[in-house]
């Protein structure tokens, strides 16, 4: 596996969430981080830079056409996250199966969340998705009536310090829309999601039935 592919693979497996991931084992990366948050990986962990400014101002990095870190490498830098996991088995591409459920220890810094404000948002009104209108209560009944997901309109990763969050800073989303919002970094805004849904709906309405225009005219009668 190439070093470029290795960085992307570790970023995915360790759920780092970096927009750009670089891997090397000896402390000398042959490319610069171009997108943020960006992460530098070695065999045992990584260091994540939330912004380009954090990356460029790091006193422990020598940044030119390449990135260099003095021995013993990024593992000695503040903010390094060490990941311990058993060695994964080789993958047989001819075997249509996989192994899951292996335990691993991940040490990670997380943003503190106020669960009380999330509960207040859920209780403040209808729990219908603010992007597509989907309601778990209407679709699944009482068993799922209390379920919805709460999205931070301003990503917590962009906050430099503890910030007061108001109800209007949050949005109720269904699981599908919430997932789509975070398909890119920075996340899509709700108007983007609504536009996607409207575009797909408009195309669907223009589709001619399989039996052709005659069937379409008959359906309108």
C-alpha atoms as a PDB file:
ATOM      1  CA  UNK A   1       0.000   0.000   0.000  1.00  0.00           C
ATOM      2  CA  UNK A   2       1.390   3.431  -0.939  1.00  0.00           C
ATOM      3  CA  UNK A   3       2.032   6.009   1.775  1.00  0.00           C
ATOM      4  CA  UNK A   4      -0.759   8.184   0.329  1.00  0.00           C
ATOM      5  CA  UNK A   5      -3.239   5.319   0.427  1.00  0.00           C
ATOM      6  CA  UNK A   6      -2.000   4.343   3.893  1.00  0.00           C
ATOM      7  CA  UNK A   7      -2.797   7.809   5.254  1.00  0.00           C
ATOM      8  CA  UNK A   8      -6.314   7.716   3.828  1.00  0.00           C
ATOM      9  CA  UNK A   9      -6.821   4.198   5.178  1.00  0.00           C
ATOM     10  CA  UNK A  10      -5.764   5.098   8.740  1.00  0.00           C
ATOM     11  CA  UNK A  11      -7.849   8.261   8.634  1.00  0.00           C
ATOM     12  CA  UNK A  12     -10.900   6.114   7.844  1.00  0.00           C
ATOM     13  CA  UNK A  13     -10.134   3.206  10.197  1.00  0.00           C
ATOM     14  CA  UNK A  14      -9.341   5.422  13.176  1.00  0.00           C
ATOM     15  CA  UNK A  15     -12.283   7.794  12.519  1.00  0.00           C
ATOM     16  CA  UNK A  16     -10.032  10.844  12.591  1.00  0.00           C
ATOM     17  CA  UNK A  17     -12.150  12.917  10.209  1.00  0.00           C
ATOM     18  CA  UNK A  18      -9.262  14.717   8.503  1.00  0.00           C
ATOM     19  CA  UNK A  19      -9.874  16.340   5.125  1.00  0.00           C
ATOM     20  CA  UNK A  20      -6.242  15.579   4.178  1.00  0.00           C
ATOM     21  CA  UNK A  21      -4.182  12.743   5.662  1.00  0.00           C
ATOM     22  CA  UNK A  22      -0.458  12.069   5.189  1.00  0.00           C
ATOM     23  CA  UNK A  23       1.397   8.988   6.420  1.00  0.00           C
ATOM     24  CA  UNK A  24       5.094   8.260   6.809  1.00  0.00           C
ATOM     25  CA  UNK A  25       7.104   6.128   9.245  1.00  0.00           C
ATOM     26  CA  UNK A  26      10.322   8.150   9.506  1.00  0.00           C
ATOM     27  CA  UNK A  27       9.170  11.717  10.252  1.00  0.00           C
ATOM     28  CA  UNK A  28       9.706  13.106   6.738  1.00  0.00           C
ATOM     29  CA  UNK A  29       6.560  13.692   4.679  1.00  0.00           C
ATOM     30  CA  UNK A  30       7.112  14.430   1.005  1.00  0.00           C
ATOM     31  CA  UNK A  31       3.990  16.554   0.608  1.00  0.00           C
ATOM     32  CA  UNK A  32       2.383  19.381   2.539  1.00  0.00           C
ATOM     33  CA  UNK A  33      -1.039  19.350   4.139  1.00  0.00           C
ATOM     34  CA  UNK A  34      -3.367  21.250   1.808  1.00  0.00           C
ATOM     35  CA  UNK A  35      -6.850  20.786   3.326  1.00  0.00           C
ATOM     36  CA  UNK A  36      -7.991  21.115   6.923  1.00  0.00           C
ATOM     37  CA  UNK A  37      -8.529  19.668   9.378  1.00  0.00           C
ATOM     38  CA  UNK A  38      -5.357  17.862   8.312  1.00  0.00           C
ATOM     39  CA  UNK A  39      -3.513  15.001   9.995  1.00  0.00           C
ATOM     40  CA  UNK A  40      -0.016  13.535   9.974  1.00  0.00           C
ATOM     41  CA  UNK A  41       0.125   9.810  10.667  1.00  0.00           C
ATOM     42  CA  UNK A  42       2.795   7.343  11.704  1.00  0.00           C
ATOM     43  CA  UNK A  43       2.484   3.633  12.540  1.00  0.00           C
ATOM     44  CA  UNK A  44       1.087   4.191  16.019  1.00  0.00           C
ATOM     45  CA  UNK A  45      -1.027   7.335  15.895  1.00  0.00           C
ATOM     46  CA  UNK A  46      -1.464  10.809  14.490  1.00  0.00           C
ATOM     47  CA  UNK A  47      -1.517  14.521  15.191  1.00  0.00           C
ATOM     48  CA  UNK A  48      -4.469  16.578  13.954  1.00  0.00           C
ATOM     49  CA  UNK A  49      -4.345  20.249  12.931  1.00  0.00           C
ATOM     50  CA  UNK A  50      -7.782  21.861  12.972  1.00  0.00           C
ATOM     51  CA  UNK A  51      -6.756  24.826  10.819  1.00  0.00           C
ATOM     52  CA  UNK A  52      -4.017  25.840   8.412  1.00  0.00           C
ATOM     53  CA  UNK A  53      -2.874  28.408  10.968  1.00  0.00           C
ATOM     54  CA  UNK A  54      -2.384  25.705  13.621  1.00  0.00           C
ATOM     55  CA  UNK A  55      -0.343  23.687  11.144  1.00  0.00           C
ATOM     56  CA  UNK A  56       1.890  26.517   9.936  1.00  0.00           C
ATOM     57  CA  UNK A  57       2.503  27.876  13.435  1.00  0.00           C
ATOM     58  CA  UNK A  58       3.479  24.527  14.981  1.00  0.00           C
ATOM     59  CA  UNK A  59       7.027  25.098  16.311  1.00  0.00           C
ATOM     60  CA  UNK A  60       7.918  21.414  16.100  1.00  0.00           C
ATOM     61  CA  UNK A  61       7.451  21.108  12.329  1.00  0.00           C
ATOM     62  CA  UNK A  62       9.950  22.082   9.682  1.00  0.00           C
ATOM     63  CA  UNK A  63       7.766  23.017   6.722  1.00  0.00           C
ATOM     64  CA  UNK A  64       9.126  23.652   3.253  1.00  0.00           C
ATOM     65  CA  UNK A  65       8.443  21.624   0.135  1.00  0.00           C
ATOM     66  CA  UNK A  66       8.383  18.732   2.593  1.00  0.00           C
ATOM     67  CA  UNK A  67       7.464  18.317   6.261  1.00  0.00           C
ATOM     68  CA  UNK A  68      10.098  17.138   8.725  1.00  0.00           C
ATOM     69  CA  UNK A  69       9.999  16.366  12.427  1.00  0.00           C
ATOM     70  CA  UNK A  70      13.044  15.692  14.553  1.00  0.00           C
ATOM     71  CA  UNK A  71      13.441  12.224  16.063  1.00  0.00           C
ATOM     72  CA  UNK A  72      11.605  10.423  17.547  1.00  0.00           C
ATOM     73  CA  UNK A  73       8.914  11.956  15.289  1.00  0.00           C
ATOM     74  CA  UNK A  74       5.372  13.177  15.841  1.00  0.00           C
ATOM     75  CA  UNK A  75       4.860  10.765  18.759  1.00  0.00           C
ATOM     76  CA  UNK A  76       6.778  13.239  20.949  1.00  0.00           C
ATOM     77  CA  UNK A  77       4.681  16.265  19.946  1.00  0.00           C
ATOM     78  CA  UNK A  78       1.924  17.804  22.095  1.00  0.00           C
ATOM     79  CA  UNK A  79      -1.466  16.686  20.835  1.00  0.00           C
ATOM     80  CA  UNK A  80      -0.268  13.343  19.456  1.00  0.00           C
ATOM     81  CA  UNK A  81      -2.975  10.680  19.652  1.00  0.00           C
ATOM     82  CA  UNK A  82      -1.648   7.155  20.127  1.00  0.00           C
ATOM     83  CA  UNK A  83      -3.836   4.375  18.752  1.00  0.00           C
ATOM     84  CA  UNK A  84      -3.332   0.810  19.940  1.00  0.00           C
ATOM     85  CA  UNK A  85      -4.795  -1.965  17.874  1.00  0.00           C
ATOM     86  CA  UNK A  86      -3.956  -5.541  17.024  1.00  0.00           C
ATOM     87  CA  UNK A  87      -2.377  -6.154  13.641  1.00  0.00           C
ATOM     88  CA  UNK A  88      -5.103  -6.635  11.073  1.00  0.00           C
ATOM     89  CA  UNK A  89      -4.992  -9.834   9.006  1.00  0.00           C
ATOM     90  CA  UNK A  90      -4.182  -9.740   5.314  1.00  0.00           C
ATOM     91  CA  UNK A  91      -7.270  -9.352   3.137  1.00  0.00           C
ATOM     92  CA  UNK A  92      -8.067 -12.040   0.571  1.00  0.00           C
ATOM     93  CA  UNK A  93      -9.702 -10.168  -2.317  1.00  0.00           C
ATOM     94  CA  UNK A  94     -11.260 -13.421  -3.537  1.00  0.00           C
ATOM     95  CA  UNK A  95     -13.039 -14.052  -0.240  1.00  0.00           C
ATOM     96  CA  UNK A  96     -16.372 -12.256   0.002  1.00  0.00           C
ATOM     97  CA  UNK A  97     -16.350 -11.762   3.767  1.00  0.00           C
ATOM     98  CA  UNK A  98     -14.592  -9.717   6.415  1.00  0.00           C
ATOM     99  CA  UNK A  99     -13.637  -9.662  10.065  1.00  0.00           C
ATOM    100  CA  UNK A 100     -15.225  -7.094  12.359  1.00  0.00           C
ATOM    101  CA  UNK A 101     -15.610  -6.552  16.073  1.00  0.00           C
ATOM    102  CA  UNK A 102     -11.925  -6.466  17.024  1.00  0.00           C
ATOM    103  CA  UNK A 103     -11.319  -4.420  20.162  1.00  0.00           C
ATOM    104  CA  UNK A 104      -8.930  -1.469  20.126  1.00  0.00           C
ATOM    105  CA  UNK A 105      -7.997   1.374  22.411  1.00  0.00           C
ATOM    106  CA  UNK A 106      -8.168   4.866  20.928  1.00  0.00           C
ATOM    107  CA  UNK A 107      -6.990   7.910  22.856  1.00  0.00           C
ATOM    108  CA  UNK A 108      -8.606  11.019  21.433  1.00  0.00           C
ATOM    109  CA  UNK A 109      -9.391  14.601  22.371  1.00  0.00           C
ATOM    110  CA  UNK A 110     -13.082  15.456  21.974  1.00  0.00           C
ATOM    111  CA  UNK A 111     -15.068  18.670  22.091  1.00  0.00           C
ATOM    112  CA  UNK A 112     -17.204  18.977  25.205  1.00  0.00           C
ATOM    113  CA  UNK A 113     -20.943  18.943  24.420  1.00  0.00           C
ATOM    114  CA  UNK A 114     -23.803  20.246  26.547  1.00  0.00           C
ATOM    115  CA  UNK A 115     -26.406  17.471  26.482  1.00  0.00           C
ATOM    116  CA  UNK A 116     -28.907  19.659  28.337  1.00  0.00           C
ATOM    117  CA  UNK A 117     -29.246  22.117  25.438  1.00  0.00           C
ATOM    118  CA  UNK A 118     -29.682  19.183  23.035  1.00  0.00           C
ATOM    119  CA  UNK A 119     -32.530  17.802  25.170  1.00  0.00           C
ATOM    120  CA  UNK A 120     -34.137  21.250  25.269  1.00  0.00           C
ATOM    121  CA  UNK A 121     -33.960  21.494  21.487  1.00  0.00           C
ATOM    122  CA  UNK A 122     -35.682  18.129  21.097  1.00  0.00           C
ATOM    123  CA  UNK A 123     -38.386  19.175  23.545  1.00  0.00           C
ATOM    124  CA  UNK A 124     -38.897  22.638  22.060  1.00  0.00           C
ATOM    125  CA  UNK A 125     -41.231  21.598  19.254  1.00  0.00           C
ATOM    126  CA  UNK A 126     -41.969  19.063  16.550  1.00  0.00           C
ATOM    127  CA  UNK A 127     -39.221  16.544  15.975  1.00  0.00           C
ATOM    128  CA  UNK A 128     -39.573  16.657  12.187  1.00  0.00           C
ATOM    129  CA  UNK A 129     -36.406  17.043  10.123  1.00  0.00           C
ATOM    130  CA  UNK A 130     -35.788  20.701   9.259  1.00  0.00           C
ATOM    131  CA  UNK A 131     -34.274  19.690   5.924  1.00  0.00           C
ATOM    132  CA  UNK A 132     -36.673  17.097   4.497  1.00  0.00           C
ATOM    133  CA  UNK A 133     -39.637  17.106   6.908  1.00  0.00           C
ATOM    134  CA  UNK A 134     -39.280  13.429   7.852  1.00  0.00           C
ATOM    135  CA  UNK A 135     -40.844  12.504  11.201  1.00  0.00           C
ATOM    136  CA  UNK A 136     -39.901   9.311  13.025  1.00  0.00           C
ATOM    137  CA  UNK A 137     -43.152   9.548  14.981  1.00  0.00           C
ATOM    138  CA  UNK A 138     -45.280   9.651  11.829  1.00  0.00           C
ATOM    139  CA  UNK A 139     -43.340   6.903  10.096  1.00  0.00           C
ATOM    140  CA  UNK A 140     -42.763   4.450  12.948  1.00  0.00           C
ATOM    141  CA  UNK A 141     -45.320   5.462  15.553  1.00  0.00           C
ATOM    142  CA  UNK A 142     -44.928   5.583  19.307  1.00  0.00           C
ATOM    143  CA  UNK A 143     -41.831   3.348  19.402  1.00  0.00           C
ATOM    144  CA  UNK A 144     -39.741   6.051  17.692  1.00  0.00           C
ATOM    145  CA  UNK A 145     -41.793   9.137  18.590  1.00  0.00           C
ATOM    146  CA  UNK A 146     -39.059  10.653  20.754  1.00  0.00           C
ATOM    147  CA  UNK A 147     -36.223  10.072  18.289  1.00  0.00           C
ATOM    148  CA  UNK A 148     -34.466  12.695  16.183  1.00  0.00           C
ATOM    149  CA  UNK A 149     -30.927  13.989  15.780  1.00  0.00           C
ATOM    150  CA  UNK A 150     -29.640  17.432  16.704  1.00  0.00           C
ATOM    151  CA  UNK A 151     -27.151  19.192  14.436  1.00  0.00           C
ATOM    152  CA  UNK A 152     -24.877  22.095  15.411  1.00  0.00           C
ATOM    153  CA  UNK A 153     -25.218  24.741  12.698  1.00  0.00           C
ATOM    154  CA  UNK A 154     -21.765  26.048  13.638  1.00  0.00           C
ATOM    155  CA  UNK A 155     -19.427  23.013  13.801  1.00  0.00           C
ATOM    156  CA  UNK A 156     -17.874  22.561  17.237  1.00  0.00           C
ATOM    157  CA  UNK A 157     -14.519  22.041  15.538  1.00  0.00           C
ATOM    158  CA  UNK A 158     -14.581  25.710  14.492  1.00  0.00           C
ATOM    159  CA  UNK A 159     -14.938  26.975  18.063  1.00  0.00           C
ATOM    160  CA  UNK A 160     -11.668  28.147  19.543  1.00  0.00           C
ATOM    161  CA  UNK A 161     -12.989  28.174  23.112  1.00  0.00           C
ATOM    162  CA  UNK A 162     -16.081  27.372  25.165  1.00  0.00           C
ATOM    163  CA  UNK A 163     -19.013  29.155  23.504  1.00  0.00           C
ATOM    164  CA  UNK A 164     -22.606  29.648  24.604  1.00  0.00           C
ATOM    165  CA  UNK A 165     -24.917  27.619  22.369  1.00  0.00           C
ATOM    166  CA  UNK A 166     -28.540  28.763  21.911  1.00  0.00           C
ATOM    167  CA  UNK A 167     -31.498  26.789  20.646  1.00  0.00           C
ATOM    168  CA  UNK A 168     -31.378  28.674  17.344  1.00  0.00           C
ATOM    169  CA  UNK A 169     -27.787  27.434  16.869  1.00  0.00           C
ATOM    170  CA  UNK A 170     -29.155  23.878  16.606  1.00  0.00           C
ATOM    171  CA  UNK A 171     -31.320  22.104  14.042  1.00  0.00           C
ATOM    172  CA  UNK A 172     -33.455  18.981  14.173  1.00  0.00           C
ATOM    173  CA  UNK A 173     -32.458  16.508  11.434  1.00  0.00           C
ATOM    174  CA  UNK A 174     -33.320  12.955  10.503  1.00  0.00           C
ATOM    175  CA  UNK A 175     -30.479  10.451  10.452  1.00  0.00           C
ATOM    176  CA  UNK A 176     -30.206  10.513   6.637  1.00  0.00           C
ATOM    177  CA  UNK A 177     -29.991  14.286   6.288  1.00  0.00           C
ATOM    178  CA  UNK A 178     -27.593  14.518   9.229  1.00  0.00           C
ATOM    179  CA  UNK A 179     -25.301  12.012   7.535  1.00  0.00           C
ATOM    180  CA  UNK A 180     -25.410  13.891   4.220  1.00  0.00           C
ATOM    181  CA  UNK A 181     -24.681  17.218   5.960  1.00  0.00           C
ATOM    182  CA  UNK A 182     -21.376  15.756   7.162  1.00  0.00           C
ATOM    183  CA  UNK A 183     -20.336  14.159   3.878  1.00  0.00           C
ATOM    184  CA  UNK A 184     -17.969  17.059   3.353  1.00  0.00           C
ATOM    185  CA  UNK A 185     -15.864  19.403   5.467  1.00  0.00           C
ATOM    186  CA  UNK A 186     -17.017  22.092   6.084  1.00  0.00           C
ATOM    187  CA  UNK A 187     -20.489  20.555   6.409  1.00  0.00           C
ATOM    188  CA  UNK A 188     -23.293  21.376   4.002  1.00  0.00           C
ATOM    189  CA  UNK A 189     -25.748  23.992   5.239  1.00  0.00           C
ATOM    190  CA  UNK A 190     -29.449  23.121   5.434  1.00  0.00           C
ATOM    191  CA  UNK A 191     -30.301  25.125   2.316  1.00  0.00           C
ATOM    192  CA  UNK A 192     -27.853  22.917   0.383  1.00  0.00           C
ATOM    193  CA  UNK A 193     -29.671  19.782   1.535  1.00  0.00           C
ATOM    194  CA  UNK A 194     -33.072  21.252   0.660  1.00  0.00           C
ATOM    195  CA  UNK A 195     -31.784  22.172  -2.811  1.00  0.00           C
ATOM    196  CA  UNK A 196     -30.528  18.602  -3.338  1.00  0.00           C
ATOM    197  CA  UNK A 197     -33.933  17.205  -2.380  1.00  0.00           C
ATOM    198  CA  UNK A 198     -35.798  19.675  -4.592  1.00  0.00           C
ATOM    199  CA  UNK A 199     -33.552  18.875  -7.574  1.00  0.00           C
ATOM    200  CA  UNK A 200     -34.069  15.134  -7.211  1.00  0.00           C
ATOM    201  CA  UNK A 201     -37.815  15.619  -6.800  1.00  0.00           C
ATOM    202  CA  UNK A 202     -38.006  17.812  -9.917  1.00  0.00           C
ATOM    203  CA  UNK A 203     -36.160  15.212 -11.988  1.00  0.00           C
ATOM    204  CA  UNK A 204     -38.418  12.433 -10.681  1.00  0.00           C
ATOM    205  CA  UNK A 205     -41.524  14.348 -11.735  1.00  0.00           C
ATOM    206  CA  UNK A 206     -40.187  14.663 -15.280  1.00  0.00           C
ATOM    207  CA  UNK A 207     -39.571  10.919 -15.706  1.00  0.00           C
ATOM    208  CA  UNK A 208     -41.842   9.390 -18.356  1.00  0.00           C
ATOM    209  CA  UNK A 209     -43.466   6.053 -17.359  1.00  0.00           C
ATOM    210  CA  UNK A 210     -42.000   2.892 -18.899  1.00  0.00           C
ATOM    211  CA  UNK A 211     -45.062   2.482 -21.190  1.00  0.00           C
ATOM    212  CA  UNK A 212     -44.296   5.802 -22.813  1.00  0.00           C
ATOM    213  CA  UNK A 213     -46.209   9.088 -23.337  1.00  0.00           C
ATOM    214  CA  UNK A 214     -49.505   7.269 -23.969  1.00  0.00           C
ATOM    215  CA  UNK A 215     -49.434   5.785 -20.449  1.00  0.00           C
ATOM    216  CA  UNK A 216     -48.575   9.178 -19.033  1.00  0.00           C
ATOM    217  CA  UNK A 217     -51.592  10.758 -20.760  1.00  0.00           C
ATOM    218  CA  UNK A 218     -53.843   7.955 -19.568  1.00  0.00           C
ATOM    219  CA  UNK A 219     -52.640   8.441 -16.002  1.00  0.00           C
ATOM    220  CA  UNK A 220     -53.611  12.107 -16.156  1.00  0.00           C
ATOM    221  CA  UNK A 221     -57.217  11.391 -17.261  1.00  0.00           C
END
